[in-house]
Structures are given as C-alpha cells and as structure tokens.
Amino acid sequence: MLELGSLYFNYPDSKMVDPTEGYRWLMRAAPADDPAAQEMLAGVLADGAMAGARTVIAPDLVAADRWLRLAARSPFHDNTSLRRRIERNMTAAQLDEAQTRAAAWQPHPVPEVLAMTIDLPAAAGAKRPRPPGLRCRALDRFKGGGDNPAGWQRLPDLCAKRAGHGRDYRDRGILRR
C-alpha cells in the first residue's frame, strides 16, 4: 500500500501522477501501522497536494502532527525537522488535539483497512469567484488557474488601501456604491 501511494505521488511520468489516489493509498497504509506510510502521509498533510494548479488535498497540521507522532515510535521514522516545522505553525490547542488523537489511536487490521472508503479532505479555496465579463478563452484560462492563479487572473481588491496613499479607492470617488 505504501509503495502504491508513493508511486502515485512520485511517478516519473507526470501524466501518471495522481495525488488523490496516492493519498487514498497512504490513508490505507498508515492505519495498518506502517511507520513509513505514516511519515509520508504527515508530509503530504503538512504541505497539502496539488494537481496542476488546483489544490486537491488541503494542509491539515493537526492530522500531520498526529501521523508524525505515530511514525516517531519507530526509530527509523522520527523526522524531527518536519515535526518542528509543523509544530511551529500550530497553536497550543492544535498541539493538544494532535497529542490526544495520537494517544487514542489504535492500529487496524489490513483487511479492514483495504475495505475502507477514503474521502478526500476538503480543499479550502478551491473555487474562486469568476470575474464578471469573462467569456470564451479568457474564462477557460481563468478556470484553469485553479486556486493558484497567475497575476493576470487575480481579482483586484478595490477596497484595499494603496501603498503610500493612506486612502482607499472609495475615498477618491473611483469606486461608487
């Protein structure tokens, strides 16, 4: 299961890379008490995963820390640098929750794990609002930008203060209500 999950993330031909399937296989291997899968899954959950320009697996620091704590029980999979990087971005409540989840965790038998249906975690911000007036090729290119759009695909924030001016656009009468 670990090898299959790893292959979906790291296949040499980029057309065959599928982070969603890789995640599903790692989520089967990790509950079966595979420390290498737990460590790899923690890395995926720490950074999230992308397919093209779209986020398909949102970062989840609590789950990443839990899986890393479980992997650290093995002397070969104690990734302290990744754990420090994850924990530096967590609140005290999130750290407590990760510790509680790790302490309550029990391994599952392989037949039970293979029968599991693995749902993907929600990818935050996966749908951007479409700017009005986009049509045809411009609309297709906007949709293709996913949640990491190029500069020209980003919507301007007309209510933001301009650098060095101290006033927003509404103060100058540019944006009418």
N, C-alpha and C. Protein backbone atom coordinates (compact mmCIF):
# COMPACT_ATOMS: atom_id res chain seq x y z
N MET A 1 0.82 -1.19 0.00
CA MET A 1 0.00 0.00 0.00
C MET A 1 0.87 1.26 0.00
N LEU A 2 1.95 1.23 0.79
CA LEU A 2 2.86 2.37 0.84
C LEU A 2 3.49 2.59 -0.53
N GLU A 3 3.94 1.51 -1.16
CA GLU A 3 4.60 1.65 -2.46
C GLU A 3 3.65 2.20 -3.51
N LEU A 4 2.42 1.75 -3.48
CA LEU A 4 1.44 2.24 -4.44
C LEU A 4 1.13 3.72 -4.19
N GLY A 5 0.96 4.11 -2.94
CA GLY A 5 0.73 5.51 -2.62
C GLY A 5 1.91 6.37 -3.02
N SER A 6 3.11 5.89 -2.75
CA SER A 6 4.31 6.63 -3.12
C SER A 6 4.44 6.77 -4.63
N LEU A 7 4.08 5.73 -5.35
CA LEU A 7 4.15 5.76 -6.81
C LEU A 7 3.20 6.80 -7.39
N TYR A 8 2.01 6.92 -6.83
CA TYR A 8 1.06 7.91 -7.33
C TYR A 8 1.57 9.34 -7.10
N PHE A 9 2.39 9.55 -6.09
CA PHE A 9 2.94 10.88 -5.85
C PHE A 9 4.22 11.14 -6.65
N ASN A 10 5.02 10.11 -6.87
CA ASN A 10 6.37 10.31 -7.40
C ASN A 10 6.64 9.60 -8.71
N TYR A 11 5.62 9.27 -9.48
CA TYR A 11 5.85 8.54 -10.73
C TYR A 11 6.65 9.41 -11.70
N PRO A 12 7.64 8.86 -12.40
CA PRO A 12 8.47 9.67 -13.29
C PRO A 12 7.69 10.38 -14.41
N ASP A 13 6.64 9.76 -14.92
CA ASP A 13 5.84 10.39 -15.97
C ASP A 13 4.78 11.25 -15.29
N SER A 14 4.85 12.56 -15.48
CA SER A 14 3.95 13.47 -14.77
C SER A 14 2.48 13.24 -15.11
N LYS A 15 2.19 12.63 -16.26
CA LYS A 15 0.80 12.35 -16.61
C LYS A 15 0.20 11.27 -15.72
N MET A 16 1.03 10.47 -15.11
CA MET A 16 0.55 9.38 -14.25
C MET A 16 0.47 9.77 -12.78
N VAL A 17 0.97 10.94 -12.42
CA VAL A 17 0.94 11.38 -11.03
C VAL A 17 -0.51 11.73 -10.66
N ASP A 18 -0.98 11.16 -9.56
CA ASP A 18 -2.34 11.41 -9.09
C ASP A 18 -2.32 11.50 -7.57
N PRO A 19 -2.20 12.73 -7.03
CA PRO A 19 -2.11 12.87 -5.57
C PRO A 19 -3.34 12.37 -4.82
N THR A 20 -4.51 12.41 -5.45
CA THR A 20 -5.70 11.94 -4.74
C THR A 20 -5.64 10.43 -4.51
N GLU A 21 -5.22 9.68 -5.51
CA GLU A 21 -5.09 8.23 -5.32
C GLU A 21 -3.93 7.91 -4.40
N GLY A 22 -2.84 8.67 -4.50
CA GLY A 22 -1.72 8.47 -3.58
C GLY A 22 -2.14 8.68 -2.14
N TYR A 23 -2.94 9.72 -1.90
CA TYR A 23 -3.45 9.99 -0.56
C TYR A 23 -4.32 8.83 -0.07
N ARG A 24 -5.18 8.35 -0.95
CA ARG A 24 -6.07 7.24 -0.54
C ARG A 24 -5.28 5.99 -0.15
N TRP A 25 -4.20 5.69 -0.88
CA TRP A 25 -3.41 4.51 -0.55
C TRP A 25 -2.58 4.73 0.72
N LEU A 26 -2.08 5.93 0.90
CA LEU A 26 -1.35 6.21 2.15
C LEU A 26 -2.29 6.17 3.34
N MET A 27 -3.55 6.60 3.14
CA MET A 27 -4.53 6.54 4.23
C MET A 27 -4.97 5.11 4.52
N ARG A 28 -4.66 4.19 3.68
CA ARG A 28 -4.89 2.77 3.98
C ARG A 28 -3.67 2.17 4.67
N ALA A 29 -2.49 2.58 4.24
CA ALA A 29 -1.27 2.01 4.81
C ALA A 29 -0.99 2.54 6.22
N ALA A 30 -1.24 3.81 6.46
CA ALA A 30 -0.92 4.40 7.76
C ALA A 30 -1.73 3.78 8.91
N PRO A 31 -3.05 3.57 8.78
CA PRO A 31 -3.77 2.92 9.89
C PRO A 31 -3.39 1.46 10.11
N ALA A 32 -2.74 0.86 9.12
CA ALA A 32 -2.28 -0.52 9.27
C ALA A 32 -0.94 -0.56 10.00
N ASP A 33 -0.54 0.54 10.60
CA ASP A 33 0.67 0.67 11.42
C ASP A 33 1.95 0.53 10.60
N ASP A 34 2.02 1.24 9.49
CA ASP A 34 3.22 1.30 8.66
C ASP A 34 3.89 2.65 8.92
N PRO A 35 4.99 2.68 9.68
CA PRO A 35 5.61 3.96 10.04
C PRO A 35 6.07 4.78 8.84
N ALA A 36 6.56 4.14 7.80
CA ALA A 36 6.99 4.88 6.61
C ALA A 36 5.80 5.57 5.94
N ALA A 37 4.65 4.88 5.89
CA ALA A 37 3.44 5.49 5.32
C ALA A 37 2.94 6.61 6.21
N GLN A 38 3.05 6.44 7.53
CA GLN A 38 2.63 7.49 8.45
C GLN A 38 3.48 8.74 8.27
N GLU A 39 4.78 8.54 8.09
CA GLU A 39 5.67 9.69 7.88
C GLU A 39 5.40 10.37 6.54
N MET A 40 5.20 9.60 5.49
CA MET A 40 4.92 10.19 4.18
C MET A 40 3.57 10.91 4.19
N LEU A 41 2.57 10.31 4.81
CA LEU A 41 1.26 10.94 4.92
C LEU A 41 1.34 12.24 5.70
N ALA A 42 2.16 12.28 6.74
CA ALA A 42 2.35 13.51 7.51
C ALA A 42 2.93 14.61 6.62
N GLY A 43 3.87 14.26 5.76
CA GLY A 43 4.44 15.23 4.84
C GLY A 43 3.42 15.76 3.85
N VAL A 44 2.57 14.87 3.35
CA VAL A 44 1.52 15.28 2.41
C VAL A 44 0.53 16.20 3.11
N LEU A 45 0.13 15.84 4.33
CA LEU A 45 -0.86 16.66 5.05
C LEU A 45 -0.26 17.98 5.55
N ALA A 46 1.04 18.01 5.76
CA ALA A 46 1.67 19.25 6.22
C ALA A 46 1.65 20.31 5.13
N ASP A 47 1.90 19.89 3.88
CA ASP A 47 2.00 20.85 2.78
C ASP A 47 0.78 20.88 1.88
N GLY A 48 -0.05 19.85 1.96
CA GLY A 48 -1.15 19.74 1.01
C GLY A 48 -0.62 19.16 -0.30
N ALA A 49 -1.50 18.95 -1.24
CA ALA A 49 -1.08 18.41 -2.54
C ALA A 49 -1.85 19.11 -3.64
N MET A 50 -1.18 19.24 -4.76
CA MET A 50 -1.76 19.93 -5.91
C MET A 50 -1.81 18.99 -7.10
N ALA A 51 -2.83 19.19 -7.92
CA ALA A 51 -2.94 18.54 -9.22
C ALA A 51 -3.03 19.66 -10.24
N GLY A 52 -1.97 19.89 -10.96
CA GLY A 52 -1.91 21.05 -11.83
C GLY A 52 -1.86 22.30 -10.97
N ALA A 53 -2.79 23.20 -11.18
CA ALA A 53 -2.84 24.43 -10.39
C ALA A 53 -3.91 24.37 -9.31
N ARG A 54 -4.53 23.23 -9.12
CA ARG A 54 -5.62 23.11 -8.15
C ARG A 54 -5.14 22.35 -6.90
N THR A 55 -5.55 22.87 -5.75
CA THR A 55 -5.28 22.17 -4.51
C THR A 55 -6.29 21.05 -4.37
N VAL A 56 -5.81 19.80 -4.27
CA VAL A 56 -6.72 18.68 -4.13
C VAL A 56 -6.72 18.14 -2.71
N ILE A 57 -5.64 18.38 -1.97
CA ILE A 57 -5.57 17.99 -0.57
C ILE A 57 -5.09 19.21 0.21
N ALA A 58 -5.97 19.73 1.03
CA ALA A 58 -5.63 20.92 1.81
C ALA A 58 -4.70 20.54 2.96
N PRO A 59 -3.80 21.43 3.34
CA PRO A 59 -2.95 21.15 4.50
C PRO A 59 -3.79 20.98 5.77
N ASP A 60 -3.41 20.01 6.59
CA ASP A 60 -4.07 19.76 7.87
C ASP A 60 -2.97 19.49 8.90
N LEU A 61 -2.58 20.52 9.64
CA LEU A 61 -1.44 20.40 10.54
C LEU A 61 -1.70 19.47 11.70
N VAL A 62 -2.93 19.42 12.20
CA VAL A 62 -3.25 18.53 13.33
C VAL A 62 -3.09 17.07 12.91
N ALA A 63 -3.67 16.71 11.77
CA ALA A 63 -3.53 15.33 11.28
C ALA A 63 -2.07 15.02 10.94
N ALA A 64 -1.36 15.98 10.35
CA ALA A 64 0.04 15.75 10.01
C ALA A 64 0.87 15.49 11.27
N ASP A 65 0.64 16.27 12.31
CA ASP A 65 1.39 16.08 13.55
C ASP A 65 1.04 14.75 14.20
N ARG A 66 -0.23 14.37 14.15
CA ARG A 66 -0.63 13.07 14.72
C ARG A 66 0.10 11.93 14.01
N TRP A 67 0.07 11.93 12.67
CA TRP A 67 0.72 10.83 11.94
C TRP A 67 2.23 10.84 12.16
N LEU A 68 2.81 12.02 12.29
CA LEU A 68 4.25 12.10 12.54
C LEU A 68 4.61 11.58 13.93
N ARG A 69 3.76 11.86 14.90
CA ARG A 69 3.98 11.32 16.26
C ARG A 69 3.90 9.79 16.25
N LEU A 70 2.96 9.26 15.49
CA LEU A 70 2.83 7.80 15.41
C LEU A 70 4.03 7.19 14.68
N ALA A 71 4.49 7.84 13.63
CA ALA A 71 5.66 7.32 12.90
C ALA A 71 6.91 7.38 13.76
N ALA A 72 6.98 8.35 14.68
CA ALA A 72 8.17 8.53 15.52
C ALA A 72 8.35 7.39 16.52
N ARG A 73 7.35 6.55 16.69
CA ARG A 73 7.52 5.38 17.57
C ARG A 73 8.54 4.42 17.00
N SER A 74 8.73 4.46 15.68
CA SER A 74 9.75 3.65 15.04
C SER A 74 11.07 4.43 15.07
N PRO A 75 12.19 3.77 15.40
CA PRO A 75 13.46 4.52 15.46
C PRO A 75 13.93 5.00 14.08
N PHE A 76 13.37 4.47 13.01
CA PHE A 76 13.81 4.84 11.67
C PHE A 76 12.98 5.95 11.04
N HIS A 77 11.90 6.36 11.68
CA HIS A 77 10.99 7.34 11.07
C HIS A 77 10.68 8.50 12.00
N ASP A 78 11.65 8.89 12.82
CA ASP A 78 11.48 10.04 13.70
C ASP A 78 12.01 11.28 12.98
N ASN A 79 11.15 11.92 12.22
CA ASN A 79 11.53 13.07 11.40
C ASN A 79 11.35 14.35 12.21
N THR A 80 12.35 14.67 13.02
CA THR A 80 12.22 15.82 13.92
C THR A 80 12.19 17.15 13.18
N SER A 81 12.88 17.26 12.05
CA SER A 81 12.87 18.54 11.34
C SER A 81 11.47 18.84 10.78
N LEU A 82 10.81 17.84 10.23
CA LEU A 82 9.44 18.04 9.73
C LEU A 82 8.50 18.33 10.89
N ARG A 83 8.69 17.63 11.98
CA ARG A 83 7.82 17.83 13.13
C ARG A 83 7.98 19.23 13.71
N ARG A 84 9.21 19.74 13.78
CA ARG A 84 9.43 21.10 14.26
C ARG A 84 8.79 22.12 13.33
N ARG A 85 8.90 21.89 12.02
CA ARG A 85 8.31 22.81 11.04
C ARG A 85 6.78 22.83 11.18
N ILE A 86 6.18 21.67 11.39
CA ILE A 86 4.72 21.60 11.55
C ILE A 86 4.30 22.25 12.85
N GLU A 87 4.95 21.89 13.96
CA GLU A 87 4.53 22.37 15.27
C GLU A 87 4.77 23.87 15.44
N ARG A 88 5.71 24.43 14.71
CA ARG A 88 5.96 25.87 14.79
C ARG A 88 4.74 26.67 14.30
N ASN A 89 3.94 26.07 13.40
CA ASN A 89 2.78 26.75 12.83
C ASN A 89 1.47 26.37 13.51
N MET A 90 1.53 25.67 14.64
CA MET A 90 0.32 25.21 15.32
C MET A 90 0.11 25.99 16.61
N THR A 91 -1.16 26.10 17.00
CA THR A 91 -1.49 26.71 18.28
C THR A 91 -1.38 25.64 19.37
N ALA A 92 -1.45 26.07 20.62
CA ALA A 92 -1.38 25.12 21.75
C ALA A 92 -2.58 24.17 21.71
N ALA A 93 -3.75 24.68 21.35
CA ALA A 93 -4.94 23.82 21.27
C ALA A 93 -4.77 22.76 20.18
N GLN A 94 -4.20 23.15 19.05
CA GLN A 94 -3.98 22.18 17.97
C GLN A 94 -2.96 21.12 18.39
N LEU A 95 -1.90 21.53 19.11
CA LEU A 95 -0.92 20.56 19.60
C LEU A 95 -1.56 19.57 20.57
N ASP A 96 -2.40 20.07 21.46
CA ASP A 96 -3.09 19.19 22.40
C ASP A 96 -4.00 18.21 21.68
N GLU A 97 -4.70 18.71 20.66
CA GLU A 97 -5.58 17.83 19.90
C GLU A 97 -4.79 16.74 19.18
N ALA A 98 -3.65 17.10 18.59
CA ALA A 98 -2.82 16.11 17.90
C ALA A 98 -2.29 15.07 18.87
N GLN A 99 -1.86 15.50 20.06
CA GLN A 99 -1.38 14.56 21.07
C GLN A 99 -2.48 13.62 21.53
N THR A 100 -3.69 14.16 21.71
CA THR A 100 -4.83 13.35 22.13
C THR A 100 -5.17 12.32 21.07
N ARG A 101 -5.20 12.75 19.81
CA ARG A 101 -5.50 11.82 18.72
C ARG A 101 -4.44 10.73 18.61
N ALA A 102 -3.18 11.08 18.78
CA ALA A 102 -2.11 10.09 18.69
C ALA A 102 -2.18 9.09 19.85
N ALA A 103 -2.52 9.58 21.04
CA ALA A 103 -2.61 8.69 22.20
C ALA A 103 -3.79 7.73 22.08
N ALA A 104 -4.87 8.17 21.46
CA ALA A 104 -6.07 7.34 21.35
C ALA A 104 -6.03 6.41 20.13
N TRP A 105 -5.05 6.55 19.27
CA TRP A 105 -5.01 5.79 18.03
C TRP A 105 -4.71 4.31 18.28
N GLN A 106 -5.40 3.46 17.54
CA GLN A 106 -5.16 2.01 17.57
C GLN A 106 -4.99 1.52 16.14
N PRO A 107 -4.03 0.61 15.90
CA PRO A 107 -3.86 0.10 14.53
C PRO A 107 -5.07 -0.74 14.09
N HIS A 108 -5.29 -0.78 12.78
CA HIS A 108 -6.40 -1.54 12.21
C HIS A 108 -5.84 -2.72 11.41
N PRO A 109 -6.55 -3.84 11.38
CA PRO A 109 -6.09 -4.97 10.57
C PRO A 109 -6.17 -4.64 9.08
N VAL A 110 -5.29 -5.25 8.31
CA VAL A 110 -5.18 -4.96 6.87
C VAL A 110 -6.50 -5.21 6.13
N PRO A 111 -7.22 -6.32 6.34
CA PRO A 111 -8.48 -6.49 5.60
C PRO A 111 -9.48 -5.36 5.86
N GLU A 112 -9.52 -4.88 7.09
CA GLU A 112 -10.42 -3.78 7.42
C GLU A 112 -9.98 -2.50 6.71
N VAL A 113 -8.68 -2.27 6.66
CA VAL A 113 -8.14 -1.06 6.02
C VAL A 113 -8.39 -1.09 4.52
N LEU A 114 -8.25 -2.25 3.91
CA LEU A 114 -8.47 -2.37 2.46
C LEU A 114 -9.93 -2.14 2.08
N ALA A 115 -10.83 -2.44 3.00
CA ALA A 115 -12.26 -2.26 2.73
C ALA A 115 -12.73 -0.82 2.98
N MET A 116 -11.86 0.01 3.54
CA MET A 116 -12.25 1.39 3.87
C MET A 116 -12.49 2.22 2.62
N THR A 117 -13.45 3.14 2.71
CA THR A 117 -13.65 4.14 1.68
C THR A 117 -12.99 5.41 2.17
N ILE A 118 -12.04 5.90 1.42
CA ILE A 118 -11.27 7.07 1.83
C ILE A 118 -11.79 8.30 1.09
N ASP A 119 -12.33 9.25 1.84
CA ASP A 119 -12.77 10.51 1.24
C ASP A 119 -11.64 11.52 1.34
N LEU A 120 -11.56 12.38 0.35
CA LEU A 120 -10.55 13.42 0.36
C LEU A 120 -10.96 14.53 1.32
N PRO A 121 -9.99 15.12 2.03
CA PRO A 121 -10.34 16.28 2.86
C PRO A 121 -10.71 17.45 1.97
N ALA A 122 -11.56 18.31 2.47
CA ALA A 122 -11.99 19.46 1.68
C ALA A 122 -10.80 20.37 1.40
N ALA A 123 -10.67 20.78 0.15
CA ALA A 123 -9.60 21.69 -0.23
C ALA A 123 -10.13 23.11 -0.13
N ALA A 124 -9.66 23.84 0.86
CA ALA A 124 -10.14 25.20 1.08
C ALA A 124 -9.76 26.11 -0.08
N GLY A 125 -10.68 26.95 -0.47
CA GLY A 125 -10.40 27.93 -1.51
C GLY A 125 -10.30 27.35 -2.90
N ALA A 126 -10.85 26.16 -3.11
CA ALA A 126 -10.71 25.53 -4.42
C ALA A 126 -11.55 26.22 -5.48
N LYS A 127 -12.57 26.96 -5.09
CA LYS A 127 -13.40 27.66 -6.07
C LYS A 127 -13.26 29.16 -5.87
N ARG A 128 -12.74 29.82 -6.88
CA ARG A 128 -12.61 31.27 -6.83
C ARG A 128 -13.82 31.88 -7.51
N PRO A 129 -14.22 33.07 -7.08
CA PRO A 129 -15.32 33.73 -7.78
C PRO A 129 -14.88 34.12 -9.19
N ARG A 130 -15.77 33.96 -10.13
CA ARG A 130 -15.46 34.29 -11.52
C ARG A 130 -15.71 35.77 -11.74
N PRO A 131 -14.72 36.47 -12.30
CA PRO A 131 -14.94 37.88 -12.58
C PRO A 131 -16.02 38.05 -13.64
N PRO A 132 -16.90 39.01 -13.47
CA PRO A 132 -17.94 39.22 -14.48
C PRO A 132 -17.31 39.70 -15.79
N GLY A 133 -17.89 39.29 -16.89
CA GLY A 133 -17.41 39.73 -18.19
C GLY A 133 -16.43 38.79 -18.85
N LEU A 134 -15.95 37.76 -18.17
CA LEU A 134 -15.04 36.82 -18.82
C LEU A 134 -15.83 35.88 -19.70
N ARG A 135 -15.36 35.69 -20.92
CA ARG A 135 -16.03 34.79 -21.85
C ARG A 135 -14.98 34.00 -22.64
N CYS A 136 -15.42 32.91 -23.21
CA CYS A 136 -14.63 32.11 -24.16
C CYS A 136 -13.28 31.71 -23.59
N ARG A 137 -12.21 32.01 -24.35
CA ARG A 137 -10.87 31.56 -23.96
C ARG A 137 -10.42 32.16 -22.63
N ALA A 138 -10.77 33.42 -22.39
CA ALA A 138 -10.37 34.05 -21.12
C ALA A 138 -11.01 33.32 -19.94
N LEU A 139 -12.26 32.91 -20.07
CA LEU A 139 -12.93 32.18 -19.00
C LEU A 139 -12.27 30.82 -18.81
N ASP A 140 -11.95 30.12 -19.89
CA ASP A 140 -11.28 28.82 -19.79
C ASP A 140 -9.93 28.96 -19.09
N ARG A 141 -9.17 30.00 -19.44
CA ARG A 141 -7.86 30.19 -18.82
C ARG A 141 -8.01 30.55 -17.34
N PHE A 142 -9.04 31.30 -17.00
CA PHE A 142 -9.29 31.63 -15.60
C PHE A 142 -9.60 30.37 -14.81
N LYS A 143 -10.47 29.52 -15.35
CA LYS A 143 -10.81 28.27 -14.67
C LYS A 143 -9.59 27.37 -14.54
N GLY A 144 -8.71 27.37 -15.53
CA GLY A 144 -7.51 26.55 -15.49
C GLY A 144 -6.50 27.01 -14.46
N GLY A 145 -6.64 28.25 -13.99
CA GLY A 145 -5.71 28.78 -12.99
C GLY A 145 -5.89 28.17 -11.62
N GLY A 146 -7.05 27.56 -11.37
CA GLY A 146 -7.30 26.92 -10.08
C GLY A 146 -7.20 27.89 -8.93
N ASP A 147 -6.66 27.46 -7.81
CA ASP A 147 -6.56 28.33 -6.66
C ASP A 147 -5.18 28.94 -6.51
N ASN A 148 -4.32 28.77 -7.51
CA ASN A 148 -3.02 29.44 -7.56
C ASN A 148 -2.92 30.17 -8.89
N PRO A 149 -3.72 31.21 -9.10
CA PRO A 149 -3.78 31.85 -10.40
C PRO A 149 -2.54 32.68 -10.70
N ALA A 150 -2.33 32.88 -11.99
CA ALA A 150 -1.28 33.80 -12.42
C ALA A 150 -1.71 35.22 -12.05
N GLY A 151 -0.79 36.15 -12.12
CA GLY A 151 -1.08 37.52 -11.72
C GLY A 151 -2.26 38.13 -12.45
N TRP A 152 -2.36 37.87 -13.74
CA TRP A 152 -3.44 38.48 -14.51
C TRP A 152 -4.79 37.86 -14.17
N GLN A 153 -4.82 36.68 -13.54
CA GLN A 153 -6.07 36.02 -13.20
C GLN A 153 -6.60 36.43 -11.82
N ARG A 154 -5.80 37.12 -11.03
CA ARG A 154 -6.24 37.51 -9.70
C ARG A 154 -7.19 38.68 -9.77
N LEU A 155 -8.19 38.66 -8.93
CA LEU A 155 -9.13 39.76 -8.87
C LEU A 155 -8.53 40.91 -8.07
N PRO A 156 -8.67 42.13 -8.52
CA PRO A 156 -8.14 43.25 -7.74
C PRO A 156 -9.00 43.48 -6.50
N ASP A 157 -8.35 43.89 -5.45
CA ASP A 157 -9.05 44.24 -4.23
C ASP A 157 -9.23 45.75 -4.22
N LEU A 158 -10.38 46.22 -4.69
CA LEU A 158 -10.61 47.64 -4.85
C LEU A 158 -10.82 48.37 -3.53
N CYS A 159 -11.03 47.62 -2.47
CA CYS A 159 -11.24 48.25 -1.17
C CYS A 159 -9.95 48.34 -0.36
N ALA A 160 -8.88 47.76 -0.87
CA ALA A 160 -7.61 47.77 -0.14
C ALA A 160 -6.96 49.15 -0.26
N LYS A 161 -6.21 49.49 0.75
CA LYS A 161 -5.51 50.77 0.71
C LYS A 161 -4.32 50.65 -0.24
N ARG A 162 -4.12 51.67 -1.02
CA ARG A 162 -2.97 51.68 -1.92
C ARG A 162 -1.73 52.01 -1.12
N ALA A 163 -0.63 51.41 -1.48
CA ALA A 163 0.62 51.63 -0.76
C ALA A 163 1.04 53.10 -0.86
N GLY A 164 1.30 53.71 0.27
CA GLY A 164 1.82 55.05 0.31
C GLY A 164 0.76 56.15 0.21
N HIS A 165 -0.49 55.79 -0.04
CA HIS A 165 -1.50 56.83 -0.20
C HIS A 165 -2.35 57.01 1.06
N GLY A 166 -2.49 55.98 1.87
CA GLY A 166 -3.24 56.10 3.11
C GLY A 166 -4.74 56.20 2.92
N ARG A 167 -5.22 56.17 1.70
CA ARG A 167 -6.65 56.23 1.43
C ARG A 167 -7.01 55.07 0.53
N ASP A 168 -8.25 54.64 0.59
CA ASP A 168 -8.64 53.58 -0.33
C ASP A 168 -9.33 54.21 -1.54
N TYR A 169 -9.70 53.40 -2.49
CA TYR A 169 -10.28 53.87 -3.74
C TYR A 169 -11.61 54.60 -3.53
N ARG A 170 -12.35 54.20 -2.52
CA ARG A 170 -13.63 54.85 -2.26
C ARG A 170 -13.44 56.31 -1.88
N ASP A 171 -12.35 56.61 -1.16
CA ASP A 171 -12.09 57.98 -0.75
C ASP A 171 -11.89 58.90 -1.95
N ARG A 172 -11.41 58.37 -3.04
CA ARG A 172 -11.12 59.19 -4.22
C ARG A 172 -12.28 59.22 -5.20
N GLY A 173 -13.37 58.53 -4.87
CA GLY A 173 -14.53 58.57 -5.74
C GLY A 173 -14.44 57.64 -6.93
N ILE A 174 -13.44 56.73 -6.97
CA ILE A 174 -13.28 55.82 -8.10
C ILE A 174 -14.33 54.71 -8.01
N LEU A 175 -14.53 54.22 -6.82
CA LEU A 175 -15.47 53.12 -6.63
C LEU A 175 -16.77 53.69 -6.07
N ARG A 176 -17.81 53.60 -6.84
CA ARG A 176 -19.10 54.14 -6.41
C ARG A 176 -19.93 53.01 -5.82
N ARG A 177 -20.73 53.35 -4.84
CA ARG A 177 -21.57 52.32 -4.21
C ARG A 177 -22.88 52.18 -4.90
